[in-house]
Amino acid sequence: MLAALLSAIAWNLLTWYFGIPSSSSHALIGSIAGAAIAAAGFGSIEYSGFLTIIVGLIASPFIAFAVGYLIYTIFKLTLKI
């Protein structure tokens, strides 16, 4: 777990230094999965749980956009902006 955290931190620092946008969540999940694969092989990954995490990472920006738009619309209608 410590190796996964350190590798995610190193990746985030590297991308920050070069000005490359990256996600800390993606880096941490990838490093945890990589550490599990390195330690115990591909059989150590529970793919149904991993797929749930991946779907959540992909869906969360769209859900956030929809909720933000809903809040904006409510404010626009109630405050007459």
PDB file of N, CA and C in Angstrom:
ATOM      1  N   MET A   1       0.821  -1.177   0.000  1.00  0.00           N
ATOM      2  CA  MET A   1       0.000   0.000   0.000  1.00  0.00           C
ATOM      3  C   MET A   1       0.874   1.254   0.000  1.00  0.00           C
ATOM      4  N   LEU A   2       1.949   1.223   0.761  1.00  0.00           N
ATOM      5  CA  LEU A   2       2.856   2.366   0.795  1.00  0.00           C
ATOM      6  C   LEU A   2       3.494   2.586  -0.571  1.00  0.00           C
ATOM      7  N   ALA A   3       3.867   1.496  -1.240  1.00  0.00           N
ATOM      8  CA  ALA A   3       4.461   1.617  -2.577  1.00  0.00           C
ATOM      9  C   ALA A   3       3.464   2.213  -3.562  1.00  0.00           C
ATOM     10  N   ALA A   4       2.193   1.826  -3.451  1.00  0.00           N
ATOM     11  CA  ALA A   4       1.165   2.378  -4.335  1.00  0.00           C
ATOM     12  C   ALA A   4       0.996   3.872  -4.094  1.00  0.00           C
ATOM     13  N   LEU A   5       0.976   4.268  -2.839  1.00  0.00           N
ATOM     14  CA  LEU A   5       0.839   5.679  -2.505  1.00  0.00           C
ATOM     15  C   LEU A   5       2.042   6.479  -2.990  1.00  0.00           C
ATOM     16  N   LEU A   6       3.238   5.962  -2.768  1.00  0.00           N
ATOM     17  CA  LEU A   6       4.451   6.667  -3.203  1.00  0.00           C
ATOM     18  C   LEU A   6       4.532   6.772  -4.719  1.00  0.00           C
ATOM     19  N   SER A   7       4.122   5.723  -5.426  1.00  0.00           N
ATOM     20  CA  SER A   7       4.165   5.795  -6.886  1.00  0.00           C
ATOM     21  C   SER A   7       3.125   6.779  -7.414  1.00  0.00           C
ATOM     22  N   ALA A   8       1.957   6.852  -6.781  1.00  0.00           N
ATOM     23  CA  ALA A   8       0.951   7.832  -7.195  1.00  0.00           C
ATOM     24  C   ALA A   8       1.446   9.252  -6.940  1.00  0.00           C
ATOM     25  N   ILE A   9       2.094   9.463  -5.812  1.00  0.00           N
ATOM     26  CA  ILE A   9       2.650  10.783  -5.508  1.00  0.00           C
ATOM     27  C   ILE A   9       3.746  11.142  -6.505  1.00  0.00           C
ATOM     28  N   ALA A  10       4.620  10.190  -6.799  1.00  0.00           N
ATOM     29  CA  ALA A  10       5.696  10.445  -7.765  1.00  0.00           C
ATOM     30  C   ALA A  10       5.122  10.783  -9.135  1.00  0.00           C
ATOM     31  N   TRP A  11       4.103  10.048  -9.556  1.00  0.00           N
ATOM     32  CA  TRP A  11       3.481  10.313 -10.856  1.00  0.00           C
ATOM     33  C   TRP A  11       2.856  11.708 -10.874  1.00  0.00           C
ATOM     34  N   ASN A  12       2.146  12.075  -9.805  1.00  0.00           N
ATOM     35  CA  ASN A  12       1.526  13.398  -9.745  1.00  0.00           C
ATOM     36  C   ASN A  12       2.569  14.512  -9.749  1.00  0.00           C
ATOM     37  N   LEU A  13       3.668  14.318  -9.053  1.00  0.00           N
ATOM     38  CA  LEU A  13       4.728  15.332  -9.061  1.00  0.00           C
ATOM     39  C   LEU A  13       5.367  15.452 -10.434  1.00  0.00           C
ATOM     40  N   LEU A  14       5.569  14.324 -11.090  1.00  0.00           N
ATOM     41  CA  LEU A  14       6.160  14.335 -12.431  1.00  0.00           C
ATOM     42  C   LEU A  14       5.251  15.051 -13.428  1.00  0.00           C
ATOM     43  N   THR A  15       3.972  14.738 -13.402  1.00  0.00           N
ATOM     44  CA  THR A  15       3.059  15.404 -14.334  1.00  0.00           C
ATOM     45  C   THR A  15       2.892  16.883 -13.990  1.00  0.00           C
ATOM     46  N   TRP A  16       2.940  17.225 -12.710  1.00  0.00           N
ATOM     47  CA  TRP A  16       2.867  18.633 -12.318  1.00  0.00           C
ATOM     48  C   TRP A  16       4.087  19.390 -12.833  1.00  0.00           C
ATOM     49  N   TYR A  17       5.263  18.789 -12.695  1.00  0.00           N
ATOM     50  CA  TYR A  17       6.502  19.441 -13.114  1.00  0.00           C
ATOM     51  C   TYR A  17       6.479  19.754 -14.610  1.00  0.00           C
ATOM     52  N   PHE A  18       5.974  18.820 -15.403  1.00  0.00           N
ATOM     53  CA  PHE A  18       5.946  19.015 -16.851  1.00  0.00           C
ATOM     54  C   PHE A  18       4.657  19.678 -17.334  1.00  0.00           C
ATOM     55  N   GLY A  19       3.765  20.018 -16.425  1.00  0.00           N
ATOM     56  CA  GLY A  19       2.532  20.705 -16.788  1.00  0.00           C
ATOM     57  C   GLY A  19       1.523  19.824 -17.498  1.00  0.00           C
ATOM     58  N   ILE A  20       1.563  18.528 -17.216  1.00  0.00           N
ATOM     59  CA  ILE A  20       0.648  17.587 -17.848  1.00  0.00           C
ATOM     60  C   ILE A  20      -0.532  17.368 -16.896  1.00  0.00           C
ATOM     61  N   PRO A  21      -1.761  17.548 -17.375  1.00  0.00           N
ATOM     62  CA  PRO A  21      -2.897  17.301 -16.482  1.00  0.00           C
ATOM     63  C   PRO A  21      -3.032  15.818 -16.147  1.00  0.00           C
ATOM     64  N   SER A  22      -3.316  15.529 -14.897  1.00  0.00           N
ATOM     65  CA  SER A  22      -3.503  14.136 -14.489  1.00  0.00           C
ATOM     66  C   SER A  22      -4.472  14.086 -13.318  1.00  0.00           C
ATOM     67  N   SER A  23      -4.935  12.903 -13.016  1.00  0.00           N
ATOM     68  CA  SER A  23      -5.888  12.707 -11.929  1.00  0.00           C
ATOM     69  C   SER A  23      -5.232  11.915 -10.808  1.00  0.00           C
ATOM     70  N   SER A  24      -5.303  12.439  -9.612  1.00  0.00           N
ATOM     71  CA  SER A  24      -4.758  11.730  -8.453  1.00  0.00           C
ATOM     72  C   SER A  24      -5.522  10.439  -8.191  1.00  0.00           C
ATOM     73  N   SER A  25      -6.829  10.470  -8.381  1.00  0.00           N
ATOM     74  CA  SER A  25      -7.639   9.264  -8.170  1.00  0.00           C
ATOM     75  C   SER A  25      -7.236   8.159  -9.134  1.00  0.00           C
ATOM     76  N   HIS A  26      -7.079   8.511 -10.401  1.00  0.00           N
ATOM     77  CA  HIS A  26      -6.677   7.523 -11.401  1.00  0.00           C
ATOM     78  C   HIS A  26      -5.287   6.972 -11.081  1.00  0.00           C
ATOM     79  N   ALA A  27      -4.390   7.847 -10.681  1.00  0.00           N
ATOM     80  CA  ALA A  27      -3.029   7.402 -10.363  1.00  0.00           C
ATOM     81  C   ALA A  27      -3.022   6.458  -9.167  1.00  0.00           C
ATOM     82  N   LEU A  28      -3.803   6.766  -8.146  1.00  0.00           N
ATOM     83  CA  LEU A  28      -3.831   5.920  -6.953  1.00  0.00           C
ATOM     84  C   LEU A  28      -4.474   4.563  -7.245  1.00  0.00           C
ATOM     85  N   ILE A  29      -5.570   4.550  -7.966  1.00  0.00           N
ATOM     86  CA  ILE A  29      -6.224   3.280  -8.302  1.00  0.00           C
ATOM     87  C   ILE A  29      -5.326   2.438  -9.197  1.00  0.00           C
ATOM     88  N   GLY A  30      -4.691   3.079 -10.180  1.00  0.00           N
ATOM     89  CA  GLY A  30      -3.777   2.342 -11.049  1.00  0.00           C
ATOM     90  C   GLY A  30      -2.584   1.783 -10.305  1.00  0.00           C
ATOM     91  N   SER A  31      -2.058   2.544  -9.364  1.00  0.00           N
ATOM     92  CA  SER A  31      -0.892   2.057  -8.625  1.00  0.00           C
ATOM     93  C   SER A  31      -1.266   0.939  -7.651  1.00  0.00           C
ATOM     94  N   ILE A  32      -2.448   1.007  -7.065  1.00  0.00           N
ATOM     95  CA  ILE A  32      -2.893  -0.085  -6.188  1.00  0.00           C
ATOM     96  C   ILE A  32      -3.101  -1.353  -7.001  1.00  0.00           C
ATOM     97  N   ALA A  33      -3.740  -1.227  -8.162  1.00  0.00           N
ATOM     98  CA  ALA A  33      -3.939  -2.399  -9.027  1.00  0.00           C
ATOM     99  C   ALA A  33      -2.600  -2.940  -9.499  1.00  0.00           C
ATOM    100  N   GLY A  34      -1.688  -2.060  -9.864  1.00  0.00           N
ATOM    101  CA  GLY A  34      -0.364  -2.499 -10.300  1.00  0.00           C
ATOM    102  C   GLY A  34       0.407  -3.208  -9.204  1.00  0.00           C
ATOM    103  N   ALA A  35       0.306  -2.709  -7.982  1.00  0.00           N
ATOM    104  CA  ALA A  35       0.988  -3.362  -6.861  1.00  0.00           C
ATOM    105  C   ALA A  35       0.403  -4.745  -6.601  1.00  0.00           C
ATOM    106  N   ALA A  36      -0.914  -4.869  -6.706  1.00  0.00           N
ATOM    107  CA  ALA A  36      -1.552  -6.179  -6.508  1.00  0.00           C
ATOM    108  C   ALA A  36      -1.139  -7.156  -7.598  1.00  0.00           C
ATOM    109  N   ILE A  37      -1.078  -6.692  -8.832  1.00  0.00           N
ATOM    110  CA  ILE A  37      -0.666  -7.554  -9.946  1.00  0.00           C
ATOM    111  C   ILE A  37       0.791  -7.959  -9.791  1.00  0.00           C
ATOM    112  N   ALA A  38       1.640  -7.013  -9.391  1.00  0.00           N
ATOM    113  CA  ALA A  38       3.062  -7.326  -9.213  1.00  0.00           C
ATOM    114  C   ALA A  38       3.276  -8.319  -8.076  1.00  0.00           C
ATOM    115  N   ALA A  39       2.477  -8.205  -7.021  1.00  0.00           N
ATOM    116  CA  ALA A  39       2.659  -9.071  -5.859  1.00  0.00           C
ATOM    117  C   ALA A  39       2.068 -10.461  -6.057  1.00  0.00           C
ATOM    118  N   ALA A  40       0.901 -10.541  -6.695  1.00  0.00           N
ATOM    119  CA  ALA A  40       0.204 -11.831  -6.738  1.00  0.00           C
ATOM    120  C   ALA A  40      -0.314 -12.219  -8.115  1.00  0.00           C
ATOM    121  N   GLY A  41       0.009 -11.452  -9.137  1.00  0.00           N
ATOM    122  CA  GLY A  41      -0.433 -11.793 -10.487  1.00  0.00           C
ATOM    123  C   GLY A  41      -1.815 -11.247 -10.807  1.00  0.00           C
ATOM    124  N   PHE A  42      -2.219 -11.456 -12.061  1.00  0.00           N
ATOM    125  CA  PHE A  42      -3.493 -10.915 -12.527  1.00  0.00           C
ATOM    126  C   PHE A  42      -4.695 -11.552 -11.832  1.00  0.00           C
ATOM    127  N   GLY A  43      -4.533 -12.729 -11.280  1.00  0.00           N
ATOM    128  CA  GLY A  43      -5.622 -13.382 -10.565  1.00  0.00           C
ATOM    129  C   GLY A  43      -5.991 -12.701  -9.263  1.00  0.00           C
ATOM    130  N   SER A  44      -5.141 -11.800  -8.797  1.00  0.00           N
ATOM    131  CA  SER A  44      -5.415 -11.118  -7.534  1.00  0.00           C
ATOM    132  C   SER A  44      -6.417  -9.977  -7.683  1.00  0.00           C
ATOM    133  N   ILE A  45      -6.727  -9.601  -8.912  1.00  0.00           N
ATOM    134  CA  ILE A  45      -7.670  -8.508  -9.153  1.00  0.00           C
ATOM    135  C   ILE A  45      -9.077  -9.079  -9.251  1.00  0.00           C
ATOM    136  N   GLU A  46      -9.988  -8.546  -8.456  1.00  0.00           N
ATOM    137  CA  GLU A  46     -11.398  -8.917  -8.571  1.00  0.00           C
ATOM    138  C   GLU A  46     -12.007  -7.984  -9.619  1.00  0.00           C
ATOM    139  N   TYR A  47     -12.176  -8.508 -10.820  1.00  0.00           N
ATOM    140  CA  TYR A  47     -12.527  -7.664 -11.955  1.00  0.00           C
ATOM    141  C   TYR A  47     -13.908  -7.043 -11.856  1.00  0.00           C
ATOM    142  N   SER A  48     -14.847  -7.673 -11.169  1.00  0.00           N
ATOM    143  CA  SER A  48     -16.167  -7.051 -11.022  1.00  0.00           C
ATOM    144  C   SER A  48     -16.064  -5.788 -10.164  1.00  0.00           C
ATOM    145  N   GLY A  49     -15.288  -5.845  -9.094  1.00  0.00           N
ATOM    146  CA  GLY A  49     -15.074  -4.661  -8.266  1.00  0.00           C
ATOM    147  C   GLY A  49     -14.255  -3.605  -8.978  1.00  0.00           C
ATOM    148  N   PHE A  50     -13.254  -4.050  -9.731  1.00  0.00           N
ATOM    149  CA  PHE A  50     -12.412  -3.116 -10.480  1.00  0.00           C
ATOM    150  C   PHE A  50     -13.231  -2.408 -11.556  1.00  0.00           C
ATOM    151  N   LEU A  51     -14.125  -3.148 -12.214  1.00  0.00           N
ATOM    152  CA  LEU A  51     -14.984  -2.554 -13.235  1.00  0.00           C
ATOM    153  C   LEU A  51     -15.925  -1.526 -12.617  1.00  0.00           C
ATOM    154  N   THR A  52     -16.415  -1.794 -11.424  1.00  0.00           N
ATOM    155  CA  THR A  52     -17.273  -0.833 -10.724  1.00  0.00           C
ATOM    156  C   THR A  52     -16.529   0.475 -10.476  1.00  0.00           C
ATOM    157  N   ILE A  53     -15.276   0.378 -10.088  1.00  0.00           N
ATOM    158  CA  ILE A  53     -14.462   1.573  -9.855  1.00  0.00           C
ATOM    159  C   ILE A  53     -14.239   2.333 -11.159  1.00  0.00           C
ATOM    160  N   ILE A  54     -13.923   1.619 -12.228  1.00  0.00           N
ATOM    161  CA  ILE A  54     -13.677   2.255 -13.521  1.00  0.00           C
ATOM    162  C   ILE A  54     -14.935   2.958 -14.026  1.00  0.00           C
ATOM    163  N   VAL A  55     -16.087   2.298 -13.910  1.00  0.00           N
ATOM    164  CA  VAL A  55     -17.347   2.920 -14.335  1.00  0.00           C
ATOM    165  C   VAL A  55     -17.613   4.180 -13.511  1.00  0.00           C
ATOM    166  N   GLY A  56     -17.341   4.123 -12.218  1.00  0.00           N
ATOM    167  CA  GLY A  56     -17.512   5.305 -11.373  1.00  0.00           C
ATOM    168  C   GLY A  56     -16.605   6.452 -11.783  1.00  0.00           C
ATOM    169  N   LEU A  57     -15.366   6.134 -12.134  1.00  0.00           N
ATOM    170  CA  LEU A  57     -14.433   7.177 -12.575  1.00  0.00           C
ATOM    171  C   LEU A  57     -14.876   7.809 -13.887  1.00  0.00           C
ATOM    172  N   ILE A  58     -15.428   7.005 -14.769  1.00  0.00           N
ATOM    173  CA  ILE A  58     -15.881   7.531 -16.060  1.00  0.00           C
ATOM    174  C   ILE A  58     -17.187   8.307 -15.902  1.00  0.00           C
ATOM    175  N   ALA A  59     -18.094   7.808 -15.075  1.00  0.00           N
ATOM    176  CA  ALA A  59     -19.415   8.427 -14.942  1.00  0.00           C
ATOM    177  C   ALA A  59     -19.410   9.683 -14.078  1.00  0.00           C
ATOM    178  N   SER A  60     -18.494   9.798 -13.136  1.00  0.00           N
ATOM    179  CA  SER A  60     -18.546  10.905 -12.176  1.00  0.00           C
ATOM    180  C   SER A  60     -18.475  12.295 -12.812  1.00  0.00           C
ATOM    181  N   PRO A  61     -17.666  12.550 -13.844  1.00  0.00           N
ATOM    182  CA  PRO A  61     -17.701  13.896 -14.434  1.00  0.00           C
ATOM    183  C   PRO A  61     -19.051  14.232 -15.069  1.00  0.00           C
ATOM    184  N   PHE A  62     -19.683  13.240 -15.691  1.00  0.00           N
ATOM    185  CA  PHE A  62     -20.984  13.477 -16.314  1.00  0.00           C
ATOM    186  C   PHE A  62     -22.066  13.720 -15.264  1.00  0.00           C
ATOM    187  N   ILE A  63     -22.010  12.971 -14.180  1.00  0.00           N
ATOM    188  CA  ILE A  63     -22.961  13.172 -13.089  1.00  0.00           C
ATOM    189  C   ILE A  63     -22.754  14.546 -12.461  1.00  0.00           C
ATOM    190  N   ALA A  64     -21.502  14.929 -12.257  1.00  0.00           N
ATOM    191  CA  ALA A  64     -21.205  16.246 -11.686  1.00  0.00           C
ATOM    192  C   ALA A  64     -21.698  17.361 -12.603  1.00  0.00           C
ATOM    193  N   PHE A  65     -21.531  17.188 -13.918  1.00  0.00           N
ATOM    194  CA  PHE A  65     -22.027  18.186 -14.863  1.00  0.00           C
ATOM    195  C   PHE A  65     -23.541  18.310 -14.765  1.00  0.00           C
ATOM    196  N   ALA A  66     -24.241  17.174 -14.723  1.00  0.00           N
ATOM    197  CA  ALA A  66     -25.702  17.189 -14.656  1.00  0.00           C
ATOM    198  C   ALA A  66     -26.190  17.843 -13.368  1.00  0.00           C
ATOM    199  N   VAL A  67     -25.575  17.518 -12.241  1.00  0.00           N
ATOM    200  CA  VAL A  67     -25.969  18.118 -10.962  1.00  0.00           C
ATOM    201  C   VAL A  67     -25.662  19.615 -10.962  1.00  0.00           C
ATOM    202  N   GLY A  68     -24.509  19.996 -11.484  1.00  0.00           N
ATOM    203  CA  GLY A  68     -24.165  21.412 -11.575  1.00  0.00           C
ATOM    204  C   GLY A  68     -25.137  22.181 -12.450  1.00  0.00           C
ATOM    205  N   TYR A  69     -25.517  21.587 -13.569  1.00  0.00           N
ATOM    206  CA  TYR A  69     -26.483  22.235 -14.462  1.00  0.00           C
ATOM    207  C   TYR A  69     -27.841  22.364 -13.780  1.00  0.00           C
ATOM    208  N   LEU A  70     -28.240  21.338 -13.037  1.00  0.00           N
ATOM    209  CA  LEU A  70     -29.506  21.387 -12.308  1.00  0.00           C
ATOM    210  C   LEU A  70     -29.487  22.499 -11.264  1.00  0.00           C
ATOM    211  N   ILE A  71     -28.413  22.607 -10.517  1.00  0.00           N
ATOM    212  CA  ILE A  71     -28.293  23.668  -9.507  1.00  0.00           C
ATOM    213  C   ILE A  71     -28.289  25.040 -10.174  1.00  0.00           C
ATOM    214  N   TYR A  72     -27.572  25.166 -11.283  1.00  0.00           N
ATOM    215  CA  TYR A  72     -27.546  26.429 -12.027  1.00  0.00           C
ATOM    216  C   TYR A  72     -28.950  26.810 -12.488  1.00  0.00           C
ATOM    217  N   THR A  73     -29.690  25.832 -13.023  1.00  0.00           N
ATOM    218  CA  THR A  73     -31.038  26.094 -13.515  1.00  0.00           C
ATOM    219  C   THR A  73     -31.967  26.512 -12.379  1.00  0.00           C
ATOM    220  N   ILE A  74     -31.847  25.856 -11.238  1.00  0.00           N
ATOM    221  CA  ILE A  74     -32.675  26.227 -10.086  1.00  0.00           C
ATOM    222  C   ILE A  74     -32.375  27.659  -9.657  1.00  0.00           C
ATOM    223  N   PHE A  75     -31.102  28.019  -9.566  1.00  0.00           N
ATOM    224  CA  PHE A  75     -30.738  29.392  -9.204  1.00  0.00           C
ATOM    225  C   PHE A  75     -31.217  30.382 -10.252  1.00  0.00           C
ATOM    226  N   LYS A  76     -31.088  30.022 -11.509  1.00  0.00           N
ATOM    227  CA  LYS A  76     -31.496  30.916 -12.590  1.00  0.00           C
ATOM    228  C   LYS A  76     -33.000  31.179 -12.535  1.00  0.00           C
ATOM    229  N   LEU A  77     -33.781  30.144 -12.257  1.00  0.00           N
ATOM    230  CA  LEU A  77     -35.234  30.309 -12.203  1.00  0.00           C
ATOM    231  C   LEU A  77     -35.690  31.040 -10.942  1.00  0.00           C
ATOM    232  N   THR A  78     -35.039  30.784  -9.827  1.00  0.00           N
ATOM    233  CA  THR A  78     -35.484  31.397  -8.573  1.00  0.00           C
ATOM    234  C   THR A  78     -34.948  32.809  -8.380  1.00  0.00           C
ATOM    235  N   LEU A  79     -33.765  33.095  -8.876  1.00  0.00           N
ATOM    236  CA  LEU A  79     -33.169  34.418  -8.673  1.00  0.00           C
ATOM    237  C   LEU A  79     -33.323  35.329  -9.879  1.00  0.00           C
ATOM    238  N   LYS A  80     -33.887  34.826 -10.954  1.00  0.00           N
ATOM    239  CA  LYS A  80     -34.114  35.600 -12.188  1.00  0.00           C
ATOM    240  C   LYS A  80     -32.828  36.224 -12.718  1.00  0.00           C
ATOM    241  N   ILE A  81     -31.781  35.404 -12.814  1.00  0.00           N
ATOM    242  CA  ILE A  81     -30.479  35.882 -13.302  1.00  0.00           C
ATOM    243  C   ILE A  81     -30.491  35.912 -14.814  1.00  0.00           C
TER     244      ILE A  81
END
